[in-house]
N, C-alpha and C. Protein backbone atom coordinates (compact mmCIF):
# COMPACT_ATOMS: atom_id res chain seq x y z
N MET A 1 -8.87 1.91 7.60
CA MET A 1 -8.40 0.97 8.60
C MET A 1 -6.88 1.04 8.68
N SER A 2 -6.35 0.60 9.81
CA SER A 2 -4.92 0.73 10.06
C SER A 2 -4.13 -0.38 9.38
N GLY A 3 -2.83 -0.43 9.70
CA GLY A 3 -1.95 -1.43 9.12
C GLY A 3 -2.17 -2.80 9.74
N THR A 4 -1.23 -3.70 9.50
CA THR A 4 -1.35 -5.05 10.01
C THR A 4 0.00 -5.56 10.45
N GLY A 5 -0.01 -6.63 11.24
CA GLY A 5 1.23 -7.25 11.71
C GLY A 5 1.27 -8.70 11.34
N ILE A 6 2.47 -9.21 11.06
CA ILE A 6 2.68 -10.61 10.71
C ILE A 6 3.58 -11.21 11.76
N ILE A 7 3.13 -12.29 12.38
CA ILE A 7 3.92 -12.92 13.44
C ILE A 7 4.31 -14.32 13.00
N ILE A 8 5.61 -14.62 13.04
CA ILE A 8 6.12 -15.96 12.78
C ILE A 8 6.77 -16.47 14.05
N ASN A 9 6.28 -17.57 14.60
CA ASN A 9 6.81 -18.11 15.84
C ASN A 9 8.21 -18.65 15.62
N ARG A 10 9.12 -18.32 16.54
CA ARG A 10 10.48 -18.81 16.41
C ARG A 10 10.54 -20.34 16.51
N ASP A 11 9.47 -20.95 17.05
CA ASP A 11 9.45 -22.41 17.15
C ASP A 11 9.50 -23.06 15.78
N ASP A 12 9.19 -22.30 14.72
CA ASP A 12 9.35 -22.85 13.37
C ASP A 12 10.81 -23.19 13.10
N ALA A 13 11.69 -22.60 13.87
CA ALA A 13 13.13 -22.88 13.73
C ALA A 13 13.64 -23.73 14.90
N SER A 14 12.74 -24.44 15.61
CA SER A 14 13.12 -25.17 16.81
C SER A 14 14.24 -26.19 16.60
N PRO A 15 14.34 -26.88 15.44
CA PRO A 15 15.46 -27.81 15.29
C PRO A 15 16.82 -27.10 15.36
N LEU A 16 16.83 -25.82 15.08
CA LEU A 16 18.09 -25.08 15.11
C LEU A 16 18.50 -24.74 16.53
N LEU A 17 17.51 -24.64 17.43
CA LEU A 17 17.81 -24.16 18.76
C LEU A 17 18.73 -25.10 19.53
N ALA A 18 18.66 -26.38 19.19
CA ALA A 18 19.54 -27.34 19.86
C ALA A 18 21.00 -27.06 19.57
N ARG A 19 21.27 -26.34 18.48
CA ARG A 19 22.65 -26.03 18.11
C ARG A 19 23.10 -24.68 18.66
N VAL A 20 22.21 -23.99 19.35
CA VAL A 20 22.53 -22.68 19.89
C VAL A 20 22.83 -22.81 21.38
N LYS A 21 23.95 -22.24 21.81
CA LYS A 21 24.44 -22.51 23.17
C LYS A 21 23.97 -21.51 24.22
N ASP A 22 23.52 -20.33 23.82
CA ASP A 22 23.12 -19.35 24.84
C ASP A 22 21.83 -18.64 24.43
N ALA A 23 21.14 -18.11 25.45
CA ALA A 23 19.83 -17.49 25.23
C ALA A 23 19.93 -16.24 24.36
N ALA A 24 21.02 -15.49 24.49
CA ALA A 24 21.16 -14.28 23.70
C ALA A 24 21.21 -14.60 22.21
N THR A 25 21.94 -15.64 21.88
CA THR A 25 22.02 -16.03 20.47
C THR A 25 20.68 -16.55 19.98
N ALA A 26 19.99 -17.33 20.84
CA ALA A 26 18.66 -17.83 20.47
C ALA A 26 17.70 -16.68 20.22
N ALA A 27 17.74 -15.65 21.09
CA ALA A 27 16.87 -14.50 20.90
C ALA A 27 17.21 -13.77 19.61
N GLY A 28 18.49 -13.76 19.25
CA GLY A 28 18.92 -13.09 18.03
C GLY A 28 18.35 -13.72 16.77
N LEU A 29 17.99 -15.00 16.87
CA LEU A 29 17.41 -15.66 15.69
C LEU A 29 16.07 -15.01 15.30
N SER A 30 15.32 -14.55 16.30
CA SER A 30 14.04 -13.91 16.00
C SER A 30 14.24 -12.68 15.13
N LEU A 31 15.26 -11.88 15.46
CA LEU A 31 15.51 -10.67 14.69
C LEU A 31 16.00 -11.00 13.29
N VAL A 32 16.85 -12.02 13.18
CA VAL A 32 17.33 -12.45 11.86
C VAL A 32 16.16 -12.88 10.99
N MET A 33 15.24 -13.66 11.58
CA MET A 33 14.07 -14.11 10.84
C MET A 33 13.19 -12.93 10.44
N ALA A 34 12.96 -12.00 11.39
CA ALA A 34 12.10 -10.86 11.12
C ALA A 34 12.64 -10.01 9.97
N ARG A 35 13.94 -9.77 9.97
CA ARG A 35 14.53 -8.94 8.91
C ARG A 35 14.41 -9.61 7.55
N ALA A 36 14.63 -10.93 7.50
CA ALA A 36 14.54 -11.64 6.22
C ALA A 36 13.10 -11.63 5.70
N ILE A 37 12.15 -11.84 6.60
CA ILE A 37 10.74 -11.84 6.19
C ILE A 37 10.30 -10.43 5.79
N GLY A 38 10.81 -9.43 6.48
CA GLY A 38 10.49 -8.05 6.13
C GLY A 38 10.91 -7.72 4.71
N ILE A 39 12.11 -8.16 4.33
CA ILE A 39 12.59 -7.93 2.95
C ILE A 39 11.69 -8.67 1.96
N GLN A 40 11.29 -9.89 2.31
CA GLN A 40 10.41 -10.67 1.44
C GLN A 40 9.06 -9.96 1.24
N VAL A 41 8.49 -9.43 2.32
CA VAL A 41 7.21 -8.73 2.25
C VAL A 41 7.33 -7.47 1.41
N LYS A 42 8.41 -6.70 1.60
CA LYS A 42 8.62 -5.50 0.79
C LYS A 42 8.68 -5.84 -0.69
N ASP A 43 9.47 -6.86 -1.04
CA ASP A 43 9.59 -7.27 -2.45
C ASP A 43 8.24 -7.69 -3.01
N HIS A 44 7.45 -8.39 -2.20
CA HIS A 44 6.13 -8.85 -2.63
C HIS A 44 5.21 -7.66 -2.92
N LEU A 45 5.21 -6.67 -2.05
CA LEU A 45 4.35 -5.50 -2.23
C LEU A 45 4.77 -4.67 -3.44
N ILE A 46 6.07 -4.55 -3.65
CA ILE A 46 6.56 -3.81 -4.81
C ILE A 46 6.15 -4.51 -6.11
N ALA A 47 6.21 -5.85 -6.11
CA ALA A 47 5.78 -6.61 -7.29
C ALA A 47 4.27 -6.42 -7.52
N LEU A 48 3.49 -6.42 -6.44
CA LEU A 48 2.04 -6.18 -6.56
C LEU A 48 1.76 -4.79 -7.15
N ASN A 49 2.55 -3.83 -6.73
CA ASN A 49 2.36 -2.48 -7.23
C ASN A 49 2.53 -2.42 -8.74
N ALA A 50 3.54 -3.13 -9.24
CA ALA A 50 3.79 -3.14 -10.68
C ALA A 50 2.65 -3.83 -11.44
N GLN A 51 2.02 -4.82 -10.81
CA GLN A 51 0.94 -5.57 -11.46
C GLN A 51 -0.39 -4.81 -11.44
N ARG A 52 -0.66 -4.10 -10.35
CA ARG A 52 -2.01 -3.60 -10.11
C ARG A 52 -2.17 -2.08 -10.23
N HIS A 53 -1.08 -1.36 -10.35
CA HIS A 53 -1.20 0.09 -10.30
C HIS A 53 -0.67 0.77 -11.56
N LYS A 54 -1.38 0.55 -12.65
CA LYS A 54 -1.07 1.31 -13.86
C LYS A 54 -1.52 2.76 -13.69
N PHE A 55 -2.52 2.95 -12.81
CA PHE A 55 -3.02 4.28 -12.51
C PHE A 55 -2.94 4.49 -11.00
N GLY A 56 -3.11 5.73 -10.58
CA GLY A 56 -3.17 6.00 -9.16
C GLY A 56 -1.84 6.38 -8.56
N ARG A 57 -1.75 6.24 -7.25
CA ARG A 57 -0.60 6.76 -6.50
C ARG A 57 0.25 5.67 -5.90
N ASN A 58 0.35 4.53 -6.55
CA ASN A 58 1.28 3.47 -6.14
C ASN A 58 1.05 3.04 -4.69
N TYR A 59 -0.16 2.60 -4.41
CA TYR A 59 -0.54 2.22 -3.05
C TYR A 59 0.41 1.17 -2.46
N TYR A 60 0.65 0.09 -3.19
CA TYR A 60 1.45 -0.99 -2.62
C TYR A 60 2.92 -0.62 -2.48
N ALA A 61 3.42 0.24 -3.33
CA ALA A 61 4.81 0.71 -3.17
C ALA A 61 4.92 1.54 -1.89
N ARG A 62 3.90 2.35 -1.60
CA ARG A 62 3.91 3.12 -0.37
C ARG A 62 3.76 2.20 0.84
N ALA A 63 2.96 1.13 0.70
CA ALA A 63 2.85 0.16 1.79
C ALA A 63 4.20 -0.52 2.04
N ALA A 64 4.93 -0.81 0.97
CA ALA A 64 6.25 -1.45 1.11
C ALA A 64 7.20 -0.58 1.92
N ARG A 65 7.11 0.74 1.72
CA ARG A 65 8.00 1.64 2.45
C ARG A 65 7.66 1.71 3.94
N SER A 66 6.48 1.24 4.32
CA SER A 66 6.07 1.29 5.72
C SER A 66 6.40 0.01 6.49
N VAL A 67 6.99 -0.98 5.83
CA VAL A 67 7.28 -2.26 6.48
C VAL A 67 8.42 -2.10 7.49
N SER A 68 8.23 -2.65 8.67
CA SER A 68 9.29 -2.66 9.69
C SER A 68 9.37 -4.05 10.31
N SER A 69 10.54 -4.38 10.85
CA SER A 69 10.77 -5.73 11.39
C SER A 69 11.42 -5.64 12.77
N ARG A 70 11.01 -6.55 13.66
CA ARG A 70 11.65 -6.62 14.98
C ARG A 70 11.37 -7.97 15.61
N SER A 71 12.11 -8.30 16.65
CA SER A 71 11.83 -9.52 17.41
C SER A 71 11.06 -9.13 18.65
N ALA A 72 10.18 -10.02 19.11
CA ALA A 72 9.36 -9.72 20.28
C ALA A 72 9.00 -11.02 20.99
N GLY A 73 9.68 -11.30 22.10
CA GLY A 73 9.32 -12.43 22.94
C GLY A 73 9.35 -13.78 22.25
N GLY A 74 10.37 -14.01 21.46
CA GLY A 74 10.47 -15.29 20.78
C GLY A 74 9.75 -15.35 19.46
N PHE A 75 9.27 -14.20 18.99
CA PHE A 75 8.57 -14.14 17.71
C PHE A 75 9.31 -13.22 16.75
N ALA A 76 9.16 -13.50 15.47
CA ALA A 76 9.58 -12.57 14.43
C ALA A 76 8.35 -11.75 14.06
N LEU A 77 8.41 -10.44 14.28
CA LEU A 77 7.25 -9.57 14.04
C LEU A 77 7.55 -8.61 12.90
N VAL A 78 6.72 -8.66 11.86
CA VAL A 78 6.83 -7.75 10.72
C VAL A 78 5.55 -6.93 10.66
N SER A 79 5.68 -5.61 10.66
CA SER A 79 4.52 -4.72 10.66
C SER A 79 4.44 -3.94 9.35
N ILE A 80 3.21 -3.74 8.86
CA ILE A 80 2.96 -2.87 7.71
C ILE A 80 2.09 -1.74 8.22
N ASN A 81 2.68 -0.60 8.43
CA ASN A 81 1.97 0.52 9.03
C ASN A 81 1.42 1.43 7.94
N HIS A 82 0.42 0.91 7.22
CA HIS A 82 -0.14 1.66 6.10
C HIS A 82 -1.65 1.51 6.09
N VAL A 83 -2.36 2.62 5.98
CA VAL A 83 -3.83 2.61 6.04
C VAL A 83 -4.41 1.75 4.92
N GLY A 84 -5.32 0.86 5.31
CA GLY A 84 -6.06 0.07 4.32
C GLY A 84 -5.52 -1.30 4.04
N ILE A 85 -4.29 -1.60 4.48
CA ILE A 85 -3.70 -2.89 4.12
C ILE A 85 -4.44 -4.05 4.81
N ARG A 86 -4.88 -3.84 6.04
CA ARG A 86 -5.65 -4.89 6.74
C ARG A 86 -7.00 -5.11 6.04
N GLN A 87 -7.62 -4.03 5.57
CA GLN A 87 -8.89 -4.14 4.86
C GLN A 87 -8.72 -4.98 3.60
N ARG A 88 -7.66 -4.76 2.86
CA ARG A 88 -7.43 -5.53 1.65
C ARG A 88 -7.15 -7.00 1.97
N LEU A 89 -6.44 -7.25 3.05
CA LEU A 89 -6.09 -8.62 3.42
C LEU A 89 -7.30 -9.40 3.93
N ASN A 90 -8.06 -8.80 4.83
CA ASN A 90 -9.16 -9.52 5.49
C ASN A 90 -10.53 -9.27 4.88
N GLY A 91 -10.65 -8.22 4.04
CA GLY A 91 -11.95 -7.90 3.46
C GLY A 91 -12.89 -7.28 4.48
N GLY A 92 -14.12 -7.05 4.06
CA GLY A 92 -15.12 -6.46 4.95
C GLY A 92 -15.87 -5.33 4.28
N THR A 93 -16.80 -4.76 5.00
CA THR A 93 -17.65 -3.70 4.47
C THR A 93 -17.09 -2.33 4.86
N ILE A 94 -17.02 -1.43 3.90
CA ILE A 94 -16.57 -0.06 4.13
C ILE A 94 -17.77 0.87 3.99
N ARG A 95 -17.96 1.72 4.98
CA ARG A 95 -19.06 2.69 4.95
C ARG A 95 -18.49 4.11 5.03
N PRO A 96 -19.26 5.10 4.60
CA PRO A 96 -18.78 6.49 4.69
C PRO A 96 -18.52 6.90 6.14
N LYS A 97 -17.62 7.85 6.31
CA LYS A 97 -17.36 8.40 7.64
C LYS A 97 -18.61 9.14 8.14
N ALA A 98 -18.65 9.36 9.44
CA ALA A 98 -19.79 10.07 10.03
C ALA A 98 -19.99 11.42 9.35
N GLY A 99 -21.22 11.71 9.02
CA GLY A 99 -21.54 12.97 8.37
C GLY A 99 -21.47 12.91 6.85
N LYS A 100 -21.04 11.80 6.29
CA LYS A 100 -20.95 11.63 4.85
C LYS A 100 -22.00 10.63 4.38
N ARG A 101 -22.54 10.85 3.19
CA ARG A 101 -23.57 9.95 2.66
C ARG A 101 -23.00 8.89 1.73
N PHE A 102 -21.91 9.23 1.04
CA PHE A 102 -21.43 8.34 -0.01
C PHE A 102 -19.93 8.11 0.08
N LEU A 103 -19.53 6.97 -0.47
CA LEU A 103 -18.14 6.72 -0.81
C LEU A 103 -17.95 7.06 -2.29
N THR A 104 -16.74 7.47 -2.66
CA THR A 104 -16.47 7.78 -4.06
C THR A 104 -15.61 6.67 -4.66
N ILE A 105 -16.07 6.10 -5.76
CA ILE A 105 -15.37 5.01 -6.44
C ILE A 105 -14.86 5.54 -7.78
N PRO A 106 -13.54 5.51 -8.03
CA PRO A 106 -13.02 6.05 -9.29
C PRO A 106 -13.65 5.38 -10.50
N ALA A 107 -14.01 6.20 -11.48
CA ALA A 107 -14.63 5.69 -12.72
C ALA A 107 -13.72 5.87 -13.93
N THR A 108 -12.67 6.68 -13.80
CA THR A 108 -11.74 6.92 -14.90
C THR A 108 -10.31 6.83 -14.38
N PRO A 109 -9.34 6.57 -15.26
CA PRO A 109 -7.95 6.48 -14.81
C PRO A 109 -7.46 7.70 -14.05
N GLU A 110 -7.89 8.89 -14.44
CA GLU A 110 -7.40 10.10 -13.77
C GLU A 110 -7.91 10.23 -12.34
N ALA A 111 -8.96 9.46 -11.99
CA ALA A 111 -9.53 9.55 -10.64
C ALA A 111 -8.83 8.63 -9.65
N TYR A 112 -8.07 7.64 -10.14
CA TYR A 112 -7.42 6.69 -9.23
C TYR A 112 -6.40 7.40 -8.36
N GLY A 113 -6.49 7.15 -7.06
CA GLY A 113 -5.57 7.76 -6.12
C GLY A 113 -5.88 9.20 -5.80
N MET A 114 -6.98 9.73 -6.33
CA MET A 114 -7.36 11.12 -6.11
C MET A 114 -8.58 11.19 -5.21
N ARG A 115 -8.76 12.35 -4.58
CA ARG A 115 -9.96 12.62 -3.80
C ARG A 115 -10.88 13.52 -4.64
N ALA A 116 -12.18 13.36 -4.41
CA ALA A 116 -13.13 14.15 -5.21
C ALA A 116 -12.89 15.65 -5.05
N ARG A 117 -12.49 16.08 -3.85
CA ARG A 117 -12.29 17.51 -3.62
C ARG A 117 -11.09 18.08 -4.38
N GLU A 118 -10.27 17.21 -4.93
CA GLU A 118 -9.13 17.67 -5.72
C GLU A 118 -9.55 18.07 -7.14
N PHE A 119 -10.80 17.82 -7.50
CA PHE A 119 -11.35 18.23 -8.79
C PHE A 119 -12.25 19.45 -8.56
N SER A 120 -12.11 20.45 -9.40
CA SER A 120 -12.90 21.67 -9.23
C SER A 120 -14.07 21.76 -10.21
N ASP A 121 -14.23 20.75 -11.06
CA ASP A 121 -15.24 20.86 -12.13
C ASP A 121 -16.24 19.70 -12.10
N LEU A 122 -16.58 19.24 -10.88
CA LEU A 122 -17.51 18.12 -10.77
C LEU A 122 -18.85 18.56 -10.19
N LYS A 123 -19.90 17.88 -10.58
CA LYS A 123 -21.23 18.12 -10.01
C LYS A 123 -21.89 16.77 -9.76
N VAL A 124 -22.84 16.75 -8.85
CA VAL A 124 -23.58 15.52 -8.55
C VAL A 124 -24.68 15.34 -9.59
N GLY A 125 -24.77 14.13 -10.09
CA GLY A 125 -25.81 13.82 -11.07
C GLY A 125 -26.04 12.32 -11.13
N ARG A 126 -26.83 11.89 -12.06
CA ARG A 126 -27.08 10.45 -12.22
C ARG A 126 -26.69 10.02 -13.62
N ALA A 127 -26.18 8.79 -13.70
CA ALA A 127 -25.72 8.27 -14.99
C ALA A 127 -25.96 6.77 -15.03
N ILE A 128 -25.84 6.19 -16.21
CA ILE A 128 -25.99 4.75 -16.38
C ILE A 128 -24.66 4.09 -16.07
N ASN A 129 -24.65 3.21 -15.07
CA ASN A 129 -23.40 2.54 -14.69
C ASN A 129 -23.13 1.35 -15.61
N PRO A 130 -21.96 0.69 -15.50
CA PRO A 130 -21.62 -0.42 -16.40
C PRO A 130 -22.59 -1.59 -16.34
N ARG A 131 -23.39 -1.67 -15.27
CA ARG A 131 -24.38 -2.76 -15.17
C ARG A 131 -25.72 -2.36 -15.77
N GLY A 132 -25.77 -1.16 -16.38
CA GLY A 132 -27.00 -0.71 -17.02
C GLY A 132 -28.02 -0.11 -16.09
N ARG A 133 -27.59 0.26 -14.88
CA ARG A 133 -28.52 0.85 -13.91
C ARG A 133 -28.20 2.32 -13.71
N ILE A 134 -29.23 3.07 -13.32
CA ILE A 134 -29.04 4.50 -13.02
C ILE A 134 -28.42 4.62 -11.63
N GLN A 135 -27.35 5.40 -11.52
CA GLN A 135 -26.62 5.52 -10.26
C GLN A 135 -26.15 6.95 -10.07
N TRP A 136 -26.12 7.38 -8.81
CA TRP A 136 -25.58 8.69 -8.49
C TRP A 136 -24.08 8.71 -8.76
N ALA A 137 -23.60 9.86 -9.22
CA ALA A 137 -22.19 9.97 -9.59
C ALA A 137 -21.73 11.41 -9.50
N LEU A 138 -20.42 11.59 -9.51
CA LEU A 138 -19.83 12.92 -9.68
C LEU A 138 -19.43 13.04 -11.14
N ILE A 139 -20.03 13.99 -11.81
CA ILE A 139 -19.92 14.12 -13.26
C ILE A 139 -19.21 15.43 -13.60
N ARG A 140 -18.39 15.39 -14.61
CA ARG A 140 -17.66 16.59 -15.03
C ARG A 140 -18.61 17.62 -15.65
N LYS A 141 -18.46 18.86 -15.20
CA LYS A 141 -19.25 19.94 -15.76
C LYS A 141 -18.69 20.36 -17.12
N ALA A 142 -19.55 20.95 -17.92
CA ALA A 142 -19.07 21.57 -19.15
C ALA A 142 -18.20 22.76 -18.76
N SER A 143 -17.06 22.93 -19.45
CA SER A 143 -16.15 24.01 -19.09
C SER A 143 -15.28 24.38 -20.28
N THR A 144 -14.62 25.49 -20.14
CA THR A 144 -13.70 25.96 -21.17
C THR A 144 -12.30 26.03 -20.59
N ALA A 145 -11.35 25.38 -21.24
CA ALA A 145 -9.96 25.46 -20.80
C ALA A 145 -9.44 26.87 -21.03
N ILE A 146 -8.68 27.39 -20.07
CA ILE A 146 -8.13 28.74 -20.18
C ILE A 146 -6.61 28.68 -20.02
N SER A 147 -5.90 29.38 -20.89
CA SER A 147 -4.45 29.46 -20.78
C SER A 147 -4.03 30.90 -20.49
N PHE A 148 -2.95 31.03 -19.74
CA PHE A 148 -2.42 32.35 -19.36
C PHE A 148 -1.03 32.52 -19.95
N THR A 149 -0.77 33.68 -20.51
CA THR A 149 0.56 34.02 -21.01
C THR A 149 1.07 35.24 -20.25
N ARG A 150 2.26 35.12 -19.67
CA ARG A 150 2.87 36.24 -18.95
C ARG A 150 4.03 36.79 -19.79
N ARG A 151 4.06 38.08 -19.99
CA ARG A 151 5.13 38.70 -20.77
C ARG A 151 5.61 39.96 -20.05
N LYS A 152 6.90 40.02 -19.83
CA LYS A 152 7.48 41.18 -19.17
C LYS A 152 7.65 42.33 -20.17
N GLN A 153 7.18 43.53 -19.79
CA GLN A 153 7.27 44.71 -20.66
C GLN A 153 8.60 45.44 -20.44
N LYS A 154 8.90 46.36 -21.35
CA LYS A 154 10.15 47.12 -21.27
C LYS A 154 10.24 47.94 -20.00
N ASP A 155 9.09 48.38 -19.49
CA ASP A 155 9.10 49.19 -18.28
C ASP A 155 9.16 48.36 -17.00
N GLY A 156 9.30 47.03 -17.17
CA GLY A 156 9.40 46.14 -16.01
C GLY A 156 8.09 45.56 -15.55
N SER A 157 6.99 46.05 -16.05
CA SER A 157 5.68 45.51 -15.66
C SER A 157 5.44 44.18 -16.38
N VAL A 158 4.49 43.43 -15.88
CA VAL A 158 4.16 42.12 -16.46
C VAL A 158 2.75 42.18 -17.03
N LYS A 159 2.62 41.80 -18.28
CA LYS A 159 1.32 41.78 -18.94
C LYS A 159 0.84 40.33 -19.02
N ILE A 160 -0.37 40.11 -18.57
CA ILE A 160 -0.96 38.76 -18.58
C ILE A 160 -2.07 38.72 -19.61
N LYS A 161 -1.97 37.77 -20.51
CA LYS A 161 -2.99 37.61 -21.55
C LYS A 161 -3.73 36.29 -21.32
N VAL A 162 -5.04 36.36 -21.31
CA VAL A 162 -5.88 35.19 -21.08
C VAL A 162 -6.48 34.75 -22.40
N ARG A 163 -6.33 33.46 -22.69
CA ARG A 163 -6.89 32.93 -23.94
C ARG A 163 -7.81 31.76 -23.65
N PRO A 164 -9.05 31.82 -24.11
CA PRO A 164 -9.95 30.66 -23.95
C PRO A 164 -9.50 29.52 -24.85
N GLY A 165 -9.60 28.31 -24.31
CA GLY A 165 -9.17 27.15 -25.09
C GLY A 165 -10.34 26.31 -25.53
N GLU A 166 -10.11 25.03 -25.60
CA GLU A 166 -11.11 24.08 -26.11
C GLU A 166 -12.27 23.93 -25.13
N LEU A 167 -13.47 23.85 -25.62
CA LEU A 167 -14.65 23.66 -24.79
C LEU A 167 -14.80 22.18 -24.45
N ARG A 168 -14.90 21.90 -23.14
CA ARG A 168 -15.18 20.54 -22.69
C ARG A 168 -16.68 20.38 -22.57
N ALA A 169 -17.20 19.37 -23.23
CA ALA A 169 -18.66 19.19 -23.24
C ALA A 169 -19.19 18.77 -21.88
N GLY A 170 -18.37 18.09 -21.07
CA GLY A 170 -18.82 17.62 -19.77
C GLY A 170 -19.65 16.35 -19.88
N GLY A 171 -20.17 15.91 -18.75
CA GLY A 171 -21.01 14.71 -18.73
C GLY A 171 -20.26 13.43 -18.43
N GLU A 172 -18.92 13.48 -18.37
CA GLU A 172 -18.13 12.27 -18.11
C GLU A 172 -18.20 11.93 -16.62
N VAL A 173 -18.46 10.67 -16.31
CA VAL A 173 -18.48 10.23 -14.91
C VAL A 173 -17.03 10.08 -14.42
N ILE A 174 -16.70 10.78 -13.34
CA ILE A 174 -15.36 10.72 -12.76
C ILE A 174 -15.34 9.79 -11.55
N PHE A 175 -16.39 9.89 -10.72
CA PHE A 175 -16.55 9.00 -9.56
C PHE A 175 -17.98 8.48 -9.50
N TRP A 176 -18.15 7.21 -9.18
CA TRP A 176 -19.45 6.68 -8.83
C TRP A 176 -19.66 6.89 -7.34
N LEU A 177 -20.89 7.14 -6.91
CA LEU A 177 -21.22 7.33 -5.51
C LEU A 177 -21.98 6.12 -5.00
N VAL A 178 -21.50 5.54 -3.90
CA VAL A 178 -22.14 4.35 -3.33
C VAL A 178 -22.25 4.53 -1.82
N SER A 179 -23.26 3.88 -1.22
CA SER A 179 -23.48 4.02 0.22
C SER A 179 -22.56 3.11 1.02
N ARG A 180 -22.05 2.05 0.42
CA ARG A 180 -21.10 1.15 1.08
C ARG A 180 -20.46 0.24 0.04
N VAL A 181 -19.34 -0.33 0.42
CA VAL A 181 -18.65 -1.28 -0.45
C VAL A 181 -18.24 -2.48 0.38
N THR A 182 -18.52 -3.67 -0.09
CA THR A 182 -18.06 -4.88 0.58
C THR A 182 -16.90 -5.45 -0.23
N GLN A 183 -15.75 -5.46 0.40
CA GLN A 183 -14.53 -5.89 -0.27
C GLN A 183 -14.20 -7.33 0.10
N ARG A 184 -13.90 -8.13 -0.90
CA ARG A 184 -13.50 -9.51 -0.62
C ARG A 184 -12.10 -9.55 -0.02
N LYS A 185 -11.88 -10.53 0.85
CA LYS A 185 -10.53 -10.66 1.39
C LYS A 185 -9.57 -11.10 0.29
N ASP A 186 -8.35 -10.66 0.40
CA ASP A 186 -7.36 -10.93 -0.65
C ASP A 186 -6.05 -11.39 -0.01
N PRO A 187 -5.92 -12.70 0.25
CA PRO A 187 -4.70 -13.21 0.88
C PRO A 187 -3.44 -12.96 0.05
N SER A 188 -3.61 -12.73 -1.26
CA SER A 188 -2.44 -12.53 -2.13
C SER A 188 -1.73 -11.20 -1.86
N VAL A 189 -2.32 -10.36 -1.00
CA VAL A 189 -1.65 -9.11 -0.63
C VAL A 189 -0.30 -9.40 0.04
N LEU A 190 -0.20 -10.56 0.71
CA LEU A 190 1.04 -10.95 1.38
C LEU A 190 1.51 -12.31 0.88
N PRO A 191 2.79 -12.63 1.04
CA PRO A 191 3.22 -14.01 0.82
C PRO A 191 2.46 -14.93 1.78
N THR A 192 2.38 -16.20 1.48
CA THR A 192 1.70 -17.12 2.39
C THR A 192 2.52 -17.30 3.67
N THR A 193 1.84 -17.75 4.73
CA THR A 193 2.53 -18.01 6.00
C THR A 193 3.65 -19.02 5.80
N GLN A 194 3.40 -20.03 4.96
CA GLN A 194 4.42 -21.05 4.70
C GLN A 194 5.65 -20.45 4.01
N GLN A 195 5.39 -19.56 3.05
CA GLN A 195 6.51 -18.91 2.35
C GLN A 195 7.33 -18.04 3.29
N MET A 196 6.63 -17.29 4.16
CA MET A 196 7.34 -16.42 5.09
C MET A 196 8.12 -17.24 6.11
N ALA A 197 7.50 -18.33 6.62
CA ALA A 197 8.20 -19.18 7.58
C ALA A 197 9.45 -19.79 6.95
N ALA A 198 9.34 -20.22 5.68
CA ALA A 198 10.48 -20.84 5.00
C ALA A 198 11.63 -19.85 4.87
N VAL A 199 11.31 -18.59 4.52
CA VAL A 199 12.36 -17.58 4.39
C VAL A 199 12.99 -17.30 5.76
N GLY A 200 12.16 -17.22 6.80
CA GLY A 200 12.68 -16.97 8.13
C GLY A 200 13.58 -18.08 8.62
N VAL A 201 13.15 -19.33 8.44
CA VAL A 201 13.95 -20.48 8.87
C VAL A 201 15.27 -20.55 8.10
N ALA A 202 15.22 -20.29 6.79
CA ALA A 202 16.45 -20.31 5.98
C ALA A 202 17.45 -19.27 6.49
N ALA A 203 16.94 -18.07 6.86
CA ALA A 203 17.82 -17.03 7.39
C ALA A 203 18.41 -17.45 8.73
N ALA A 204 17.59 -18.09 9.57
CA ALA A 204 18.08 -18.56 10.86
C ALA A 204 19.13 -19.66 10.68
N GLU A 205 18.89 -20.55 9.73
CA GLU A 205 19.86 -21.62 9.46
C GLU A 205 21.20 -21.05 9.01
N ASN A 206 21.13 -20.05 8.14
CA ASN A 206 22.38 -19.42 7.68
C ASN A 206 23.11 -18.76 8.85
N ARG A 207 22.35 -18.14 9.75
CA ARG A 207 22.95 -17.50 10.91
C ARG A 207 23.64 -18.51 11.81
N VAL A 208 22.95 -19.62 12.10
CA VAL A 208 23.52 -20.65 12.97
C VAL A 208 24.77 -21.25 12.33
N THR A 209 24.73 -21.47 11.02
CA THR A 209 25.90 -22.03 10.32
C THR A 209 27.09 -21.09 10.42
N ARG A 210 26.85 -19.78 10.27
CA ARG A 210 27.94 -18.82 10.38
C ARG A 210 28.52 -18.78 11.79
N LEU A 211 27.62 -18.85 12.80
CA LEU A 211 28.09 -18.85 14.19
C LEU A 211 28.92 -20.09 14.50
N ALA A 212 28.46 -21.24 13.98
CA ALA A 212 29.19 -22.48 14.22
C ALA A 212 30.57 -22.43 13.59
N ALA A 213 30.65 -21.89 12.37
CA ALA A 213 31.94 -21.77 11.67
C ALA A 213 32.86 -20.83 12.43
N ARG A 214 32.30 -19.72 12.95
CA ARG A 214 33.12 -18.76 13.69
C ARG A 214 33.64 -19.38 14.98
N ALA A 215 32.77 -20.15 15.67
CA ALA A 215 33.18 -20.78 16.93
C ALA A 215 34.27 -21.83 16.70
N SER A 216 34.15 -22.56 15.60
CA SER A 216 35.16 -23.60 15.33
C SER A 216 36.53 -23.02 15.03
N GLN A 217 36.52 -21.73 14.62
CA GLN A 217 37.79 -21.05 14.35
C GLN A 217 38.29 -20.26 15.55
N GLY A 218 37.61 -20.45 16.71
CA GLY A 218 38.05 -19.80 17.93
C GLY A 218 37.49 -18.42 18.13
N GLY A 219 36.52 -17.98 17.28
CA GLY A 219 35.91 -16.66 17.41
C GLY A 219 34.75 -16.67 18.36
N SER A 220 34.15 -15.52 18.57
CA SER A 220 32.99 -15.40 19.45
C SER A 220 31.76 -15.96 18.76
N ALA A 221 30.92 -16.65 19.51
CA ALA A 221 29.68 -17.23 18.96
C ALA A 221 28.47 -16.37 19.30
N SER A 222 28.68 -15.11 19.61
CA SER A 222 27.56 -14.23 19.97
C SER A 222 26.91 -13.67 18.74
């Protein structure tokens, strides 16, 4: 699923508008609010990444890098253009793409953030899952680790020596296979609306105070 957008109405800062003398400055408050909330959302996602991603590819840190902020028609609009963030926020059922039978669910730390096709030593089989039931899975095949040594000869040629290493017994479940997953909604993916509105209003208040101070000193209030 695609990213998501957060909209904070500028009316949350309506008491400030009485102190603003022109429409251009009023419109500028939306952008000030959006930028402040954008920073807040980025910080929140980075903190989530530290809490939840001991393994994998730092999903929430990558989501933080996709945050953008802008004003739009009297609103502060913050967008997170990262696949899956809306799914985590709102929850719902995930099914395999067309032509696929299963979703792959990581079963070991090394599988987090990886795709099954990135492993060359997996086979389909059945195993006992943590609930004590038999379930289809992608299981590691028995294999032998191989190391290569390259050595340059006096005549300029390169000699490659292959050495067999430790035998892997196999049988370890790397991914569980499921036909669908129903994910619970997780509002903690973002700060609350109240928290975001408070940050936006505080930024707008600071902006209005600076403009008022500048105007009182004879400067431009734009």
